[in-house]
């Protein structure tokens, strides 16, 4: 019983044990932050393209909805090469 008490009361090396236990959640959080940043940086240009396509389709006055949708789709196809991630 003396060895067990000695083992439980020994405080040497606690930093290494705590780091070993916390390394995985810390690395997971860092990876999640990097992925979230990548999503947000990819979202902005895509949102700008979709907004511009909606404006291009809406600017066609006096035409049917199918023609407006076709205009928006053509705008996206012609400008999607400018997107950095796609």
PDB file of N, CA and C in Angstrom:
ATOM      1  N   UNK A   1       0.815  -1.188   0.000  1.00  0.00           N
ATOM      2  CA  UNK A   1       0.000   0.000   0.000  1.00  0.00           C
ATOM      3  C   UNK A   1       0.860   1.254   0.000  1.00  0.00           C
ATOM      4  N   UNK A   2       2.045   1.136   0.558  1.00  0.00           N
ATOM      5  CA  UNK A   2       2.957   2.266   0.633  1.00  0.00           C
ATOM      6  C   UNK A   2       3.399   2.711  -0.759  1.00  0.00           C
ATOM      7  N   UNK A   3       3.589   1.743  -1.688  1.00  0.00           N
ATOM      8  CA  UNK A   3       3.986   2.109  -3.053  1.00  0.00           C
ATOM      9  C   UNK A   3       2.870   2.838  -3.769  1.00  0.00           C
ATOM     10  N   UNK A   4       1.629   2.432  -3.554  1.00  0.00           N
ATOM     11  CA  UNK A   4       0.490   3.093  -4.183  1.00  0.00           C
ATOM     12  C   UNK A   4       0.332   4.518  -3.650  1.00  0.00           C
ATOM     13  N   UNK A   5       0.460   4.700  -2.362  1.00  0.00           N
ATOM     14  CA  UNK A   5       0.382   6.044  -1.794  1.00  0.00           C
ATOM     15  C   UNK A   5       1.519   6.918  -2.307  1.00  0.00           C
ATOM     16  N   UNK A   6       2.708   6.334  -2.399  1.00  0.00           N
ATOM     17  CA  UNK A   6       3.849   7.073  -2.912  1.00  0.00           C
ATOM     18  C   UNK A   6       3.625   7.475  -4.368  1.00  0.00           C
ATOM     19  N   UNK A   7       3.058   6.565  -5.159  1.00  0.00           N
ATOM     20  CA  UNK A   7       2.795   6.855  -6.565  1.00  0.00           C
ATOM     21  C   UNK A   7       1.749   7.958  -6.716  1.00  0.00           C
ATOM     22  N   UNK A   8       0.676   7.891  -5.946  1.00  0.00           N
ATOM     23  CA  UNK A   8      -0.406   8.877  -6.046  1.00  0.00           C
ATOM     24  C   UNK A   8       0.006  10.252  -5.533  1.00  0.00           C
ATOM     25  N   UNK A   9       0.890  10.292  -4.570  1.00  0.00           N
ATOM     26  CA  UNK A   9       1.287  11.586  -4.004  1.00  0.00           C
ATOM     27  C   UNK A   9       2.467  12.215  -4.738  1.00  0.00           C
ATOM     28  N   UNK A  10       3.087  11.478  -5.640  1.00  0.00           N
ATOM     29  CA  UNK A  10       4.246  11.998  -6.363  1.00  0.00           C
ATOM     30  C   UNK A  10       3.773  13.020  -7.399  1.00  0.00           C
ATOM     31  N   UNK A  11       4.320  14.217  -7.395  1.00  0.00           N
ATOM     32  CA  UNK A  11       3.928  15.297  -8.306  1.00  0.00           C
ATOM     33  C   UNK A  11       4.945  15.524  -9.422  1.00  0.00           C
ATOM     34  N   UNK A  12       5.994  14.762  -9.480  1.00  0.00           N
ATOM     35  CA  UNK A  12       7.017  14.923 -10.515  1.00  0.00           C
ATOM     36  C   UNK A  12       6.466  14.501 -11.869  1.00  0.00           C
ATOM     37  N   UNK A  13       6.736  15.285 -12.888  1.00  0.00           N
ATOM     38  CA  UNK A  13       6.338  14.933 -14.253  1.00  0.00           C
ATOM     39  C   UNK A  13       4.894  15.237 -14.596  1.00  0.00           C
ATOM     40  N   UNK A  14       4.209  16.022 -13.802  1.00  0.00           N
ATOM     41  CA  UNK A  14       2.802  16.328 -14.089  1.00  0.00           C
ATOM     42  C   UNK A  14       2.627  17.163 -15.341  1.00  0.00           C
ATOM     43  N   UNK A  15       3.582  18.011 -15.637  1.00  0.00           N
ATOM     44  CA  UNK A  15       3.467  18.855 -16.828  1.00  0.00           C
ATOM     45  C   UNK A  15       3.431  17.987 -18.079  1.00  0.00           C
ATOM     46  N   UNK A  16       4.261  16.996 -18.136  1.00  0.00           N
ATOM     47  CA  UNK A  16       4.285  16.114 -19.305  1.00  0.00           C
ATOM     48  C   UNK A  16       2.984  15.333 -19.425  1.00  0.00           C
ATOM     49  N   UNK A  17       2.448  14.869 -18.314  1.00  0.00           N
ATOM     50  CA  UNK A  17       1.197  14.117 -18.363  1.00  0.00           C
ATOM     51  C   UNK A  17       0.034  15.007 -18.786  1.00  0.00           C
ATOM     52  N   UNK A  18      -0.016  16.211 -18.247  1.00  0.00           N
ATOM     53  CA  UNK A  18      -1.102  17.128 -18.615  1.00  0.00           C
ATOM     54  C   UNK A  18      -0.974  17.537 -20.076  1.00  0.00           C
ATOM     55  N   UNK A  19       0.237  17.809 -20.529  1.00  0.00           N
ATOM     56  CA  UNK A  19       0.426  18.139 -21.944  1.00  0.00           C
ATOM     57  C   UNK A  19       0.012  16.972 -22.836  1.00  0.00           C
ATOM     58  N   UNK A  20       0.373  15.773 -22.436  1.00  0.00           N
ATOM     59  CA  UNK A  20      -0.017  14.601 -23.222  1.00  0.00           C
ATOM     60  C   UNK A  20      -1.518  14.440 -23.318  1.00  0.00           C
ATOM     61  N   UNK A  21      -2.223  14.735 -22.248  1.00  0.00           N
ATOM     62  CA  UNK A  21      -3.681  14.636 -22.270  1.00  0.00           C
ATOM     63  C   UNK A  21      -4.335  15.783 -23.042  1.00  0.00           C
ATOM     64  N   UNK A  22      -3.723  16.953 -23.004  1.00  0.00           N
ATOM     65  CA  UNK A  22      -4.330  18.124 -23.623  1.00  0.00           C
ATOM     66  C   UNK A  22      -3.860  18.382 -25.052  1.00  0.00           C
ATOM     67  N   UNK A  23      -2.859  17.663 -25.523  1.00  0.00           N
ATOM     68  CA  UNK A  23      -2.315  17.917 -26.856  1.00  0.00           C
ATOM     69  C   UNK A  23      -3.354  17.668 -27.941  1.00  0.00           C
ATOM     70  N   UNK A  24      -4.088  16.583 -27.855  1.00  0.00           N
ATOM     71  CA  UNK A  24      -5.063  16.268 -28.895  1.00  0.00           C
ATOM     72  C   UNK A  24      -6.173  17.313 -28.977  1.00  0.00           C
ATOM     73  N   UNK A  25      -6.815  17.702 -27.875  1.00  0.00           N
ATOM     74  CA  UNK A  25      -7.828  18.760 -27.996  1.00  0.00           C
ATOM     75  C   UNK A  25      -7.265  20.095 -28.467  1.00  0.00           C
ATOM     76  N   UNK A  26      -6.040  20.412 -28.070  1.00  0.00           N
ATOM     77  CA  UNK A  26      -5.440  21.673 -28.518  1.00  0.00           C
ATOM     78  C   UNK A  26      -5.194  21.635 -30.018  1.00  0.00           C
ATOM     79  N   UNK A  27      -4.635  20.546 -30.518  1.00  0.00           N
ATOM     80  CA  UNK A  27      -4.395  20.428 -31.951  1.00  0.00           C
ATOM     81  C   UNK A  27      -5.700  20.389 -32.731  1.00  0.00           C
ATOM     82  N   UNK A  28      -6.728  19.784 -32.164  1.00  0.00           N
ATOM     83  CA  UNK A  28      -8.041  19.762 -32.810  1.00  0.00           C
ATOM     84  C   UNK A  28      -8.591  21.188 -32.920  1.00  0.00           C
ATOM     85  N   UNK A  29      -8.464  21.972 -31.867  1.00  0.00           N
ATOM     86  CA  UNK A  29      -8.973  23.345 -31.876  1.00  0.00           C
ATOM     87  C   UNK A  29      -8.209  24.200 -32.881  1.00  0.00           C
ATOM     88  N   UNK A  30      -6.905  24.002 -32.963  1.00  0.00           N
ATOM     89  CA  UNK A  30      -6.106  24.752 -33.943  1.00  0.00           C
ATOM     90  C   UNK A  30      -6.535  24.381 -35.364  1.00  0.00           C
ATOM     91  N   UNK A  31      -6.728  23.099 -35.624  1.00  0.00           N
ATOM     92  CA  UNK A  31      -7.178  22.662 -36.947  1.00  0.00           C
ATOM     93  C   UNK A  31      -8.561  23.187 -37.289  1.00  0.00           C
ATOM     94  N   UNK A  32      -9.455  23.190 -36.312  1.00  0.00           N
ATOM     95  CA  UNK A  32     -10.801  23.728 -36.552  1.00  0.00           C
ATOM     96  C   UNK A  32     -10.745  25.216 -36.851  1.00  0.00           C
ATOM     97  N   UNK A  33      -9.881  25.953 -36.176  1.00  0.00           N
ATOM     98  CA  UNK A  33      -9.745  27.389 -36.441  1.00  0.00           C
ATOM     99  C   UNK A  33      -9.207  27.643 -37.844  1.00  0.00           C
ATOM    100  N   UNK A  34      -8.248  26.841 -38.268  1.00  0.00           N
ATOM    101  CA  UNK A  34      -7.688  27.001 -39.614  1.00  0.00           C
ATOM    102  C   UNK A  34      -8.743  26.674 -40.661  1.00  0.00           C
ATOM    103  N   UNK A  35      -9.495  25.587 -40.466  1.00  0.00           N
ATOM    104  CA  UNK A  35     -10.537  25.217 -41.417  1.00  0.00           C
ATOM    105  C   UNK A  35     -11.645  26.263 -41.469  1.00  0.00           C
ATOM    106  N   UNK A  36     -12.012  26.803 -40.325  1.00  0.00           N
ATOM    107  CA  UNK A  36     -13.052  27.837 -40.296  1.00  0.00           C
ATOM    108  C   UNK A  36     -12.584  29.081 -41.037  1.00  0.00           C
ATOM    109  N   UNK A  37     -11.337  29.447 -40.866  1.00  0.00           N
ATOM    110  CA  UNK A  37     -10.791  30.590 -41.604  1.00  0.00           C
ATOM    111  C   UNK A  37     -10.802  30.351 -43.106  1.00  0.00           C
ATOM    112  N   UNK A  38     -10.496  29.136 -43.519  1.00  0.00           N
ATOM    113  CA  UNK A  38     -10.515  28.814 -44.949  1.00  0.00           C
ATOM    114  C   UNK A  38     -11.931  28.877 -45.511  1.00  0.00           C
ATOM    115  N   UNK A  39     -12.899  28.438 -44.732  1.00  0.00           N
ATOM    116  CA  UNK A  39     -14.296  28.490 -45.181  1.00  0.00           C
ATOM    117  C   UNK A  39     -14.742  29.931 -45.354  1.00  0.00           C
ATOM    118  N   UNK A  40     -14.425  30.775 -44.390  1.00  0.00           N
ATOM    119  CA  UNK A  40     -14.840  32.165 -44.474  1.00  0.00           C
ATOM    120  C   UNK A  40     -14.125  32.898 -45.606  1.00  0.00           C
ATOM    121  N   UNK A  41     -12.866  32.591 -45.849  1.00  0.00           N
ATOM    122  CA  UNK A  41     -12.168  33.264 -46.939  1.00  0.00           C
ATOM    123  C   UNK A  41     -12.652  32.764 -48.301  1.00  0.00           C
ATOM    124  N   UNK A  42     -13.169  31.557 -48.378  1.00  0.00           N
ATOM    125  CA  UNK A  42     -13.741  31.059 -49.631  1.00  0.00           C
ATOM    126  C   UNK A  42     -15.179  31.552 -49.814  1.00  0.00           C
ATOM    127  N   UNK A  43     -15.850  31.849 -48.733  1.00  0.00           N
ATOM    128  CA  UNK A  43     -17.255  32.258 -48.789  1.00  0.00           C
ATOM    129  C   UNK A  43     -17.422  33.638 -49.410  1.00  0.00           C
ATOM    130  N   UNK A  44     -16.550  34.573 -49.083  1.00  0.00           N
ATOM    131  CA  UNK A  44     -16.704  35.962 -49.531  1.00  0.00           C
ATOM    132  C   UNK A  44     -16.712  36.100 -51.050  1.00  0.00           C
ATOM    133  N   UNK A  45     -15.715  35.574 -51.792  1.00  0.00           N
ATOM    134  CA  UNK A  45     -15.754  35.722 -53.253  1.00  0.00           C
ATOM    135  C   UNK A  45     -16.938  35.004 -53.882  1.00  0.00           C
ATOM    136  N   UNK A  46     -17.307  33.866 -53.329  1.00  0.00           N
ATOM    137  CA  UNK A  46     -18.457  33.138 -53.866  1.00  0.00           C
ATOM    138  C   UNK A  46     -19.741  33.924 -53.650  1.00  0.00           C
ATOM    139  N   UNK A  47     -19.895  34.531 -52.480  1.00  0.00           N
ATOM    140  CA  UNK A  47     -21.075  35.343 -52.207  1.00  0.00           C
ATOM    141  C   UNK A  47     -21.114  36.566 -53.120  1.00  0.00           C
ATOM    142  N   UNK A  48     -19.975  37.187 -53.359  1.00  0.00           N
ATOM    143  CA  UNK A  48     -19.930  38.328 -54.274  1.00  0.00           C
ATOM    144  C   UNK A  48     -20.344  37.935 -55.687  1.00  0.00           C
ATOM    145  N   UNK A  49     -19.904  36.759 -56.139  1.00  0.00           N
ATOM    146  CA  UNK A  49     -20.269  36.286 -57.471  1.00  0.00           C
ATOM    147  C   UNK A  49     -21.765  36.029 -57.571  1.00  0.00           C
ATOM    148  N   UNK A  50     -22.318  35.393 -56.567  1.00  0.00           N
ATOM    149  CA  UNK A  50     -23.760  35.092 -56.590  1.00  0.00           C
ATOM    150  C   UNK A  50     -24.582  36.376 -56.518  1.00  0.00           C
ATOM    151  N   UNK A  51     -24.146  37.324 -55.710  1.00  0.00           N
ATOM    152  CA  UNK A  51     -24.860  38.606 -55.637  1.00  0.00           C
ATOM    153  C   UNK A  51     -24.809  39.339 -56.972  1.00  0.00           C
ATOM    154  N   UNK A  52     -23.660  39.335 -57.609  1.00  0.00           N
ATOM    155  CA  UNK A  52     -23.534  39.991 -58.916  1.00  0.00           C
ATOM    156  C   UNK A  52     -24.389  39.294 -59.967  1.00  0.00           C
ATOM    157  N   UNK A  53     -24.462  37.975 -59.904  1.00  0.00           N
ATOM    158  CA  UNK A  53     -25.305  37.236 -60.850  1.00  0.00           C
ATOM    159  C   UNK A  53     -26.782  37.545 -60.618  1.00  0.00           C
ATOM    160  N   UNK A  54     -27.176  37.688 -59.370  1.00  0.00           N
ATOM    161  CA  UNK A  54     -28.569  38.037 -59.079  1.00  0.00           C
ATOM    162  C   UNK A  54     -28.902  39.432 -59.599  1.00  0.00           C
ATOM    163  N   UNK A  55     -27.969  40.353 -59.460  1.00  0.00           N
ATOM    164  CA  UNK A  55     -28.190  41.705 -59.985  1.00  0.00           C
ATOM    165  C   UNK A  55     -28.240  41.680 -61.506  1.00  0.00           C
ATOM    166  N   UNK A  56     -27.374  40.887 -62.139  1.00  0.00           N
ATOM    167  CA  UNK A  56     -27.389  40.785 -63.603  1.00  0.00           C
ATOM    168  C   UNK A  56     -28.708  40.205 -64.090  1.00  0.00           C
ATOM    169  N   UNK A  57     -29.219  39.197 -63.395  1.00  0.00           N
ATOM    170  CA  UNK A  57     -30.505  38.622 -63.793  1.00  0.00           C
ATOM    171  C   UNK A  57     -31.659  39.566 -63.532  1.00  0.00           C
ATOM    172  N   UNK A  58     -31.603  40.288 -62.437  1.00  0.00           N
ATOM    173  CA  UNK A  58     -32.694  41.208 -62.100  1.00  0.00           C
ATOM    174  C   UNK A  58     -32.685  42.453 -62.968  1.00  0.00           C
ATOM    175  N   UNK A  59     -31.559  42.777 -63.570  1.00  0.00           N
ATOM    176  CA  UNK A  59     -31.491  43.987 -64.392  1.00  0.00           C
ATOM    177  C   UNK A  59     -32.185  43.818 -65.738  1.00  0.00           C
ATOM    178  N   UNK A  60     -32.524  42.605 -66.096  1.00  0.00           N
ATOM    179  CA  UNK A  60     -33.242  42.357 -67.351  1.00  0.00           C
ATOM    180  C   UNK A  60     -34.727  42.609 -67.132  1.00  0.00           C
ATOM    181  N   UNK A  61     -35.148  43.799 -67.466  1.00  0.00           N
ATOM    182  CA  UNK A  61     -36.552  44.166 -67.283  1.00  0.00           C
ATOM    183  C   UNK A  61     -37.359  43.782 -68.510  1.00  0.00           C
ATOM    184  N   UNK A  62     -38.596  43.368 -68.293  1.00  0.00           N
ATOM    185  CA  UNK A  62     -39.491  43.055 -69.395  1.00  0.00           C
ATOM    186  C   UNK A  62     -39.242  41.703 -70.040  1.00  0.00           C
ATOM    187  N   UNK A  63     -38.531  40.817 -69.399  1.00  0.00           N
ATOM    188  CA  UNK A  63     -38.310  39.480 -69.950  1.00  0.00           C
ATOM    189  C   UNK A  63     -38.862  38.445 -68.969  1.00  0.00           C
ATOM    190  N   UNK A  64     -39.007  37.230 -69.452  1.00  0.00           N
ATOM    191  CA  UNK A  64     -39.539  36.164 -68.600  1.00  0.00           C
ATOM    192  C   UNK A  64     -38.499  35.728 -67.574  1.00  0.00           C
ATOM    193  N   UNK A  65     -38.987  35.042 -66.552  1.00  0.00           N
ATOM    194  CA  UNK A  65     -38.110  34.579 -65.480  1.00  0.00           C
ATOM    195  C   UNK A  65     -37.060  33.598 -65.979  1.00  0.00           C
ATOM    196  N   UNK A  66     -37.416  32.772 -66.951  1.00  0.00           N
ATOM    197  CA  UNK A  66     -36.447  31.811 -67.483  1.00  0.00           C
ATOM    198  C   UNK A  66     -35.251  32.523 -68.102  1.00  0.00           C
ATOM    199  N   UNK A  67     -35.503  33.645 -68.763  1.00  0.00           N
ATOM    200  CA  UNK A  67     -34.413  34.397 -69.373  1.00  0.00           C
ATOM    201  C   UNK A  67     -33.547  35.079 -68.299  1.00  0.00           C
ATOM    202  N   UNK A  68     -34.172  35.508 -67.224  1.00  0.00           N
ATOM    203  CA  UNK A  68     -33.414  36.097 -66.127  1.00  0.00           C
ATOM    204  C   UNK A  68     -32.499  35.058 -65.477  1.00  0.00           C
ATOM    205  N   UNK A  69     -33.042  33.859 -65.279  1.00  0.00           N
ATOM    206  CA  UNK A  69     -32.234  32.778 -64.691  1.00  0.00           C
ATOM    207  C   UNK A  69     -31.085  32.413 -65.627  1.00  0.00           C
ATOM    208  N   UNK A  70     -31.374  32.375 -66.931  1.00  0.00           N
ATOM    209  CA  UNK A  70     -30.326  32.055 -67.900  1.00  0.00           C
ATOM    210  C   UNK A  70     -29.234  33.120 -67.889  1.00  0.00           C
ATOM    211  N   UNK A  71     -29.623  34.374 -67.739  1.00  0.00           N
ATOM    212  CA  UNK A  71     -28.639  35.458 -67.662  1.00  0.00           C
ATOM    213  C   UNK A  71     -27.764  35.305 -66.418  1.00  0.00           C
ATOM    214  N   UNK A  72     -28.378  35.000 -65.297  1.00  0.00           N
ATOM    215  CA  UNK A  72     -27.616  34.816 -64.057  1.00  0.00           C
ATOM    216  C   UNK A  72     -26.676  33.621 -64.165  1.00  0.00           C
ATOM    217  N   UNK A  73     -27.152  32.519 -64.754  1.00  0.00           N
ATOM    218  CA  UNK A  73     -26.301  31.335 -64.916  1.00  0.00           C
ATOM    219  C   UNK A  73     -25.137  31.616 -65.854  1.00  0.00           C
ATOM    220  N   UNK A  74     -25.393  32.355 -66.925  1.00  0.00           N
ATOM    221  CA  UNK A  74     -24.319  32.701 -67.854  1.00  0.00           C
ATOM    222  C   UNK A  74     -23.291  33.605 -67.180  1.00  0.00           C
ATOM    223  N   UNK A  75     -23.759  34.504 -66.327  1.00  0.00           N
ATOM    224  CA  UNK A  75     -22.839  35.380 -65.597  1.00  0.00           C
ATOM    225  C   UNK A  75     -21.943  34.552 -64.677  1.00  0.00           C
ATOM    226  N   UNK A  76     -22.528  33.588 -63.987  1.00  0.00           N
ATOM    227  CA  UNK A  76     -21.740  32.742 -63.085  1.00  0.00           C
ATOM    228  C   UNK A  76     -20.732  31.917 -63.873  1.00  0.00           C
ATOM    229  N   UNK A  77     -21.149  31.350 -64.995  1.00  0.00           N
ATOM    230  CA  UNK A  77     -20.233  30.526 -65.789  1.00  0.00           C
ATOM    231  C   UNK A  77     -19.080  31.345 -66.351  1.00  0.00           C
ATOM    232  N   UNK A  78     -19.356  32.579 -66.744  1.00  0.00           N
ATOM    233  CA  UNK A  78     -18.295  33.388 -67.342  1.00  0.00           C
ATOM    234  C   UNK A  78     -17.347  33.980 -66.299  1.00  0.00           C
ATOM    235  N   UNK A  79     -17.786  34.109 -65.054  1.00  0.00           N
ATOM    236  CA  UNK A  79     -16.957  34.740 -64.029  1.00  0.00           C
ATOM    237  C   UNK A  79     -16.468  33.783 -62.948  1.00  0.00           C
ATOM    238  N   UNK A  80     -16.811  32.517 -63.016  1.00  0.00           N
ATOM    239  CA  UNK A  80     -16.399  31.586 -61.960  1.00  0.00           C
ATOM    240  C   UNK A  80     -14.918  31.242 -62.021  1.00  0.00           C
ATOM    241  N   UNK A  81     -14.262  31.511 -63.141  1.00  0.00           N
ATOM    242  CA  UNK A  81     -12.831  31.246 -63.237  1.00  0.00           C
ATOM    243  C   UNK A  81     -12.029  32.196 -62.365  1.00  0.00           C
ATOM    244  N   UNK A  82     -12.628  33.300 -61.940  1.00  0.00           N
ATOM    245  CA  UNK A  82     -11.932  34.266 -61.100  1.00  0.00           C
ATOM    246  C   UNK A  82     -11.910  33.856 -59.632  1.00  0.00           C
ATOM    247  N   UNK A  83     -12.685  32.843 -59.265  1.00  0.00           N
ATOM    248  CA  UNK A  83     -12.722  32.423 -57.875  1.00  0.00           C
ATOM    249  C   UNK A  83     -11.414  31.727 -57.513  1.00  0.00           C
ATOM    250  N   UNK A  84     -10.853  32.048 -56.351  1.00  0.00           N
ATOM    251  CA  UNK A  84      -9.559  31.469 -56.013  1.00  0.00           C
ATOM    252  C   UNK A  84      -9.581  30.005 -55.622  1.00  0.00           C
ATOM    253  N   UNK A  85     -10.717  29.487 -55.158  1.00  0.00           N
ATOM    254  CA  UNK A  85     -10.748  28.127 -54.612  1.00  0.00           C
ATOM    255  C   UNK A  85     -11.493  27.129 -55.500  1.00  0.00           C
ATOM    256  N   UNK A  86     -12.057  27.592 -56.595  1.00  0.00           N
ATOM    257  CA  UNK A  86     -12.902  26.684 -57.376  1.00  0.00           C
ATOM    258  C   UNK A  86     -12.402  26.531 -58.767  1.00  0.00           C
TER     259      UNK A  86
END
